[in-house]
C-alpha atoms as a PDB file:
ATOM      1  CA  MET A   1     145.348  58.698 -17.274  1.00  0.00           C
ATOM      2  CA  GLY A   2     143.452  57.841 -14.269  1.00  0.00           C
ATOM      3  CA  SER A   3     141.390  54.845 -12.861  1.00  0.00           C
ATOM      4  CA  SER A   4     138.569  56.435 -14.173  1.00  0.00           C
ATOM      5  CA  ASN A   5     139.675  57.305 -17.616  1.00  0.00           C
ATOM      6  CA  THR A   6     141.079  54.237 -18.056  1.00  0.00           C
ATOM      7  CA  PHE A   7     137.411  52.384 -17.042  1.00  0.00           C
ATOM      8  CA  ARG A   8     136.043  54.819 -19.448  1.00  0.00           C
ATOM      9  CA  TRP A   9     138.309  54.131 -22.337  1.00  0.00           C
ATOM     10  CA  ILE A  10     137.819  50.148 -21.809  1.00  0.00           C
ATOM     11  CA  LEU A  11     133.923  51.054 -22.022  1.00  0.00           C
ATOM     12  CA  THR A  12     134.590  53.184 -25.453  1.00  0.00           C
ATOM     13  CA  VAL A  13     136.657  50.690 -27.244  1.00  0.00           C
ATOM     14  CA  THR A  14     134.345  47.775 -26.294  1.00  0.00           C
ATOM     15  CA  PHE A  15     131.409  49.724 -27.545  1.00  0.00           C
ATOM     16  CA  THR A  16     132.648  50.946 -30.694  1.00  0.00           C
ATOM     17  CA  LEU A  17     133.723  47.822 -31.408  1.00  0.00           C
ATOM     18  CA  PHE A  18     130.402  45.814 -30.636  1.00  0.00           C
ATOM     19  CA  ILE A  19     128.675  48.742 -32.812  1.00  0.00           C
ATOM     20  CA  GLN A  20     131.013  48.182 -35.568  1.00  0.00           C
ATOM     21  CA  VAL A  21     130.809  44.235 -35.871  1.00  0.00           C
ATOM     22  CA  LEU A  22     127.395  43.974 -35.317  1.00  0.00           C
ATOM     23  CA  PHE A  23     125.324  46.918 -36.992  1.00  0.00           C
ATOM     24  CA  LEU A  24     128.122  48.766 -39.228  1.00  0.00           C
ATOM     25  CA  ARG A  25     129.559  45.702 -40.849  1.00  0.00           C
ATOM     26  CA  ASP A  26     127.463  45.752 -43.925  1.00  0.00           C
ATOM     27  CA  LEU A  27     126.601  49.543 -43.610  1.00  0.00           C
ATOM     28  CA  THR A  28     127.356  51.358 -46.515  1.00  0.00           C
ATOM     29  CA  ILE A  29     125.852  54.300 -48.670  1.00  0.00           C
ATOM     30  CA  ALA A  30     126.027  53.657 -52.496  1.00  0.00           C
ATOM     31  CA  TYR A  31     128.935  51.183 -51.885  1.00  0.00           C
ATOM     32  CA  PHE A  32     131.143  54.113 -51.443  1.00  0.00           C
ATOM     33  CA  ALA A  33     130.977  55.431 -47.998  1.00  0.00           C
ATOM     34  CA  PHE A  34     131.460  53.130 -45.194  1.00  0.00           C
ATOM     35  CA  CYS A  35     131.335  54.253 -41.122  1.00  0.00           C
ATOM     36  CA  PHE A  36     134.243  52.587 -39.219  1.00  0.00           C
ATOM     37  CA  ILE A  37     133.537  53.863 -36.042  1.00  0.00           C
ATOM     38  CA  TYR A  38     136.321  51.342 -34.522  1.00  0.00           C
ATOM     39  CA  VAL A  39     139.021  54.090 -35.010  1.00  0.00           C
ATOM     40  CA  TRP A  40     137.446  56.489 -32.535  1.00  0.00           C
ATOM     41  CA  PRO A  41     139.120  55.440 -29.777  1.00  0.00           C
ATOM     42  CA  LEU A  42     142.373  55.777 -31.313  1.00  0.00           C
ATOM     43  CA  ILE A  43     141.721  59.315 -32.647  1.00  0.00           C
ATOM     44  CA  LYS A  44     140.587  60.188 -29.175  1.00  0.00           C
ATOM     45  CA  ALA A  45     143.512  58.701 -27.190  1.00  0.00           C
ATOM     46  CA  PRO A  46     145.124  61.428 -25.004  1.00  0.00           C
ATOM     47  CA  ILE A  47     147.994  63.361 -26.587  1.00  0.00           C
ATOM     48  CA  ASP A  48     150.402  62.148 -24.218  1.00  0.00           C
ATOM     49  CA  THR A  49     149.884  58.681 -25.138  1.00  0.00           C
ATOM     50  CA  PRO A  50     153.344  56.710 -26.292  1.00  0.00           C
ATOM     51  CA  PRO A  51     153.390  56.149 -29.783  1.00  0.00           C
ATOM     52  CA  ALA A  52     154.073  52.363 -29.166  1.00  0.00           C
ATOM     53  CA  TYR A  53     151.081  51.672 -26.814  1.00  0.00           C
ATOM     54  CA  LEU A  54     148.678  53.677 -29.390  1.00  0.00           C
ATOM     55  CA  MET A  55     150.117  51.208 -32.221  1.00  0.00           C
ATOM     56  CA  LEU A  56     149.598  47.763 -30.104  1.00  0.00           C
ATOM     57  CA  GLY A  57     146.353  49.092 -29.570  1.00  0.00           C
ATOM     58  CA  ALA A  58     145.560  50.110 -33.042  1.00  0.00           C
ATOM     59  CA  PHE A  59     146.600  46.796 -33.985  1.00  0.00           C
ATOM     60  CA  ILE A  60     144.321  44.623 -31.410  1.00  0.00           C
ATOM     61  CA  LEU A  61     141.356  46.845 -32.691  1.00  0.00           C
ATOM     62  CA  GLY A  62     142.043  46.295 -36.106  1.00  0.00           C
ATOM     63  CA  TRP A  63     143.043  42.713 -35.687  1.00  0.00           C
ATOM     64  CA  ILE A  64     139.527  42.154 -33.956  1.00  0.00           C
ATOM     65  CA  VAL A  65     137.804  43.762 -37.172  1.00  0.00           C
ATOM     66  CA  ASP A  66     139.616  41.394 -39.639  1.00  0.00           C
ATOM     67  CA  VAL A  67     138.744  38.726 -37.533  1.00  0.00           C
ATOM     68  CA  PHE A  68     134.862  39.391 -38.001  1.00  0.00           C
ATOM     69  CA  TYR A  69     135.166  40.711 -41.261  1.00  0.00           C
ATOM     70  CA  ASN A  70     137.566  38.009 -42.705  1.00  0.00           C
ATOM     71  CA  THR A  71     139.634  40.519 -43.876  1.00  0.00           C
ATOM     72  CA  HIS A  72     143.387  39.356 -43.144  1.00  0.00           C
ATOM     73  CA  GLY A  73     144.559  41.936 -41.432  1.00  0.00           C
ATOM     74  CA  MET A  74     143.821  44.843 -43.971  1.00  0.00           C
ATOM     75  CA  HIS A  75     142.205  46.810 -41.200  1.00  0.00           C
ATOM     76  CA  ALA A  76     144.926  45.455 -38.864  1.00  0.00           C
ATOM     77  CA  PHE A  77     147.689  47.455 -40.925  1.00  0.00           C
ATOM     78  CA  ALA A  78     145.517  50.416 -41.587  1.00  0.00           C
ATOM     79  CA  SER A  79     144.869  51.157 -38.214  1.00  0.00           C
ATOM     80  CA  VAL A  80     148.656  50.490 -37.329  1.00  0.00           C
ATOM     81  CA  LEU A  81     149.372  52.781 -40.143  1.00  0.00           C
ATOM     82  CA  MET A  82     146.795  55.580 -38.549  1.00  0.00           C
ATOM     83  CA  ALA A  83     148.463  55.622 -35.581  1.00  0.00           C
ATOM     84  CA  SER A  84     151.762  55.689 -36.833  1.00  0.00           C
ATOM     85  CA  LEU A  85     150.727  58.700 -38.786  1.00  0.00           C
ATOM     86  CA  ARG A  86     149.415  60.476 -35.327  1.00  0.00           C
ATOM     87  CA  SER A  87     152.501  62.155 -34.112  1.00  0.00           C
ATOM     88  CA  PRO A  88     153.772  63.635 -37.667  1.00  0.00           C
ATOM     89  CA  ILE A  89     150.167  64.613 -38.072  1.00  0.00           C
ATOM     90  CA  PHE A  90     150.324  66.139 -34.677  1.00  0.00           C
ATOM     91  CA  ARG A  91     153.695  67.864 -35.513  1.00  0.00           C
ATOM     92  CA  LEU A  92     152.073  69.152 -38.744  1.00  0.00           C
ATOM     93  CA  LEU A  93     149.075  70.848 -36.970  1.00  0.00           C
ATOM     94  CA  THR A  94     150.996  72.011 -33.458  1.00  0.00           C
ATOM     95  CA  PRO A  95     149.789  75.762 -32.492  1.00  0.00           C
ATOM     96  CA  ALA A  96     152.406  78.163 -31.909  1.00  0.00           C
ATOM     97  CA  ASN A  97     151.961  77.915 -27.976  1.00  0.00           C
ATOM     98  CA  GLY A  98     152.374  73.937 -28.287  1.00  0.00           C
ATOM     99  CA  TYR A  99     149.903  71.864 -26.896  1.00  0.00           C
ATOM    100  CA  ASP A 100     149.211  71.753 -22.756  1.00  0.00           C
ATOM    101  CA  GLU A 101     150.317  68.641 -21.163  1.00  0.00           C
ATOM    102  CA  ARG A 102     146.718  67.936 -19.952  1.00  0.00           C
ATOM    103  CA  SER A 103     144.859  68.387 -23.446  1.00  0.00           C
ATOM    104  CA  ARG A 104     142.083  66.168 -24.833  1.00  0.00           C
ATOM    105  CA  VAL A 105     141.768  65.432 -28.456  1.00  0.00           C
ATOM    106  CA  SER A 106     138.363  67.332 -28.398  1.00  0.00           C
ATOM    107  CA  LEU A 107     136.282  69.592 -30.393  1.00  0.00           C
ATOM    108  CA  GLN A 108     136.191  71.935 -27.620  1.00  0.00           C
ATOM    109  CA  GLU A 109     139.601  72.050 -26.406  1.00  0.00           C
ATOM    110  CA  MET A 110     141.273  72.112 -30.013  1.00  0.00           C
ATOM    111  CA  ARG A 111     138.205  74.461 -31.565  1.00  0.00           C
ATOM    112  CA  PRO A 112     136.944  73.244 -35.262  1.00  0.00           C
ATOM    113  CA  LEU A 113     139.556  74.222 -37.608  1.00  0.00           C
ATOM    114  CA  TRP A 114     142.426  72.482 -35.845  1.00  0.00           C
ATOM    115  CA  PHE A 115     139.905  69.161 -34.518  1.00  0.00           C
ATOM    116  CA  PHE A 116     138.054  68.554 -38.272  1.00  0.00           C
ATOM    117  CA  SER A 117     141.897  68.712 -39.892  1.00  0.00           C
ATOM    118  CA  TYR A 118     143.540  66.611 -37.707  1.00  0.00           C
ATOM    119  CA  LEU A 119     139.648  64.128 -38.199  1.00  0.00           C
ATOM    120  CA  PHE A 120     140.093  64.515 -42.063  1.00  0.00           C
ATOM    121  CA  LEU A 121     144.220  63.618 -42.062  1.00  0.00           C
ATOM    122  CA  MET A 122     143.680  60.704 -39.705  1.00  0.00           C
ATOM    123  CA  LEU A 123     140.325  59.155 -41.208  1.00  0.00           C
ATOM    124  CA  PHE A 124     141.756  60.213 -44.581  1.00  0.00           C
ATOM    125  CA  SER A 125     145.254  58.047 -44.070  1.00  0.00           C
ATOM    126  CA  HIS A 126     143.000  55.209 -42.733  1.00  0.00           C
ATOM    127  CA  HIS A 127     140.403  54.498 -45.455  1.00  0.00           C
ATOM    128  CA  THR A 128     142.801  55.236 -47.996  1.00  0.00           C
ATOM    129  CA  ILE A 129     145.076  52.332 -47.576  1.00  0.00           C
ATOM    130  CA  LEU A 130     142.735  49.860 -46.516  1.00  0.00           C
ATOM    131  CA  PHE A 131     140.649  50.616 -49.640  1.00  0.00           C
ATOM    132  CA  LEU A 132     144.044  50.336 -51.566  1.00  0.00           C
ATOM    133  CA  LEU A 133     144.797  47.287 -49.841  1.00  0.00           C
ATOM    134  CA  GLU A 134     141.256  45.906 -50.558  1.00  0.00           C
ATOM    135  CA  ALA A 135     141.869  46.555 -54.100  1.00  0.00           C
ATOM    136  CA  SER A 136     145.141  45.523 -54.601  1.00  0.00           C
ATOM    137  CA  ASP A 137     145.377  46.608 -58.117  1.00  0.00           C
ATOM    138  CA  LEU A 138     146.507  50.117 -59.084  1.00  0.00           C
ATOM    139  CA  ASP A 139     143.724  49.935 -61.879  1.00  0.00           C
ATOM    140  CA  LEU A 140     141.251  50.606 -59.188  1.00  0.00           C
ATOM    141  CA  LEU A 141     143.310  53.687 -57.912  1.00  0.00           C
ATOM    142  CA  GLY A 142     140.538  56.030 -58.641  1.00  0.00           C
ATOM    143  CA  ILE A 143     137.641  54.060 -56.896  1.00  0.00           C
ATOM    144  CA  SER A 144     140.068  53.501 -54.103  1.00  0.00           C
ATOM    145  CA  LEU A 145     140.777  57.188 -53.668  1.00  0.00           C
ATOM    146  CA  LEU A 146     136.840  58.061 -54.132  1.00  0.00           C
ATOM    147  CA  ARG A 147     135.383  55.230 -51.446  1.00  0.00           C
ATOM    148  CA  GLY A 148     138.483  56.540 -49.127  1.00  0.00           C
ATOM    149  CA  PHE A 149     137.165  60.368 -49.439  1.00  0.00           C
ATOM    150  CA  THR A 150     133.583  59.756 -49.227  1.00  0.00           C
ATOM    151  CA  SER A 151     134.261  57.472 -46.050  1.00  0.00           C
ATOM    152  CA  CYS A 152     136.116  59.947 -44.635  1.00  0.00           C
ATOM    153  CA  LEU A 153     133.663  62.732 -45.096  1.00  0.00           C
ATOM    154  CA  LEU A 154     131.173  60.212 -43.446  1.00  0.00           C
ATOM    155  CA  GLY A 155     133.195  59.278 -40.704  1.00  0.00           C
ATOM    156  CA  ILE A 156     133.715  63.312 -40.472  1.00  0.00           C
ATOM    157  CA  VAL A 157     129.953  63.739 -39.936  1.00  0.00           C
ATOM    158  CA  VAL A 158     129.640  60.958 -37.685  1.00  0.00           C
ATOM    159  CA  PHE A 159     132.481  61.651 -35.735  1.00  0.00           C
ATOM    160  CA  GLY A 160     131.304  65.582 -35.498  1.00  0.00           C
ATOM    161  CA  ILE A 161     127.963  63.988 -33.811  1.00  0.00           C
ATOM    162  CA  LEU A 162     129.892  61.952 -31.492  1.00  0.00           C
ATOM    163  CA  GLU A 163     131.987  65.094 -30.175  1.00  0.00           C
ATOM    164  CA  LEU A 164     128.571  67.518 -30.286  1.00  0.00           C
ATOM    165  CA  PHE A 165     127.502  64.872 -27.732  1.00  0.00           C
ATOM    166  CA  ASN A 166     130.629  65.243 -25.417  1.00  0.00           C
ATOM    167  CA  LEU A 167     130.861  69.121 -25.314  1.00  0.00           C
ATOM    168  CA  ASN A 168     130.064  69.792 -21.854  1.00  0.00           C
ATOM    169  CA  LYS A 169     132.003  66.643 -20.463  1.00  0.00           C
END
């Protein structure tokens, strides 16, 4: 990653945390769909990002959100789990000819089927574990799964719109 890409990455992380903490904290649709935009930098991380760096970044991002949400490590745990599942998800979705070392995770490079499959698996893993931790009761398993699924669908719409703004870059 070059210095301009690193600077852009830091701006993206800062911007998504700012938006998450100040504007999206209490935003919900029918108490079932929540938008967690702070995971966007983790999802868009370059394919060749070492898993240890990604998990460290996921922990820091999740911990910062936990501080502002007063959720005692739930976001950090869900983010680290999502980051740790990234490599198996890549292996599951690997095209026949593999990935180009310069490939980026984007709608333009990866095409819609791959991109939205990847996005769904990443968001669903994050949101489901987050809501299961929040509920901390298996009697609420159905509601937690419903909240995870609806939040995942909202995230796909929001991140799809964000990708449309990045198509020409």
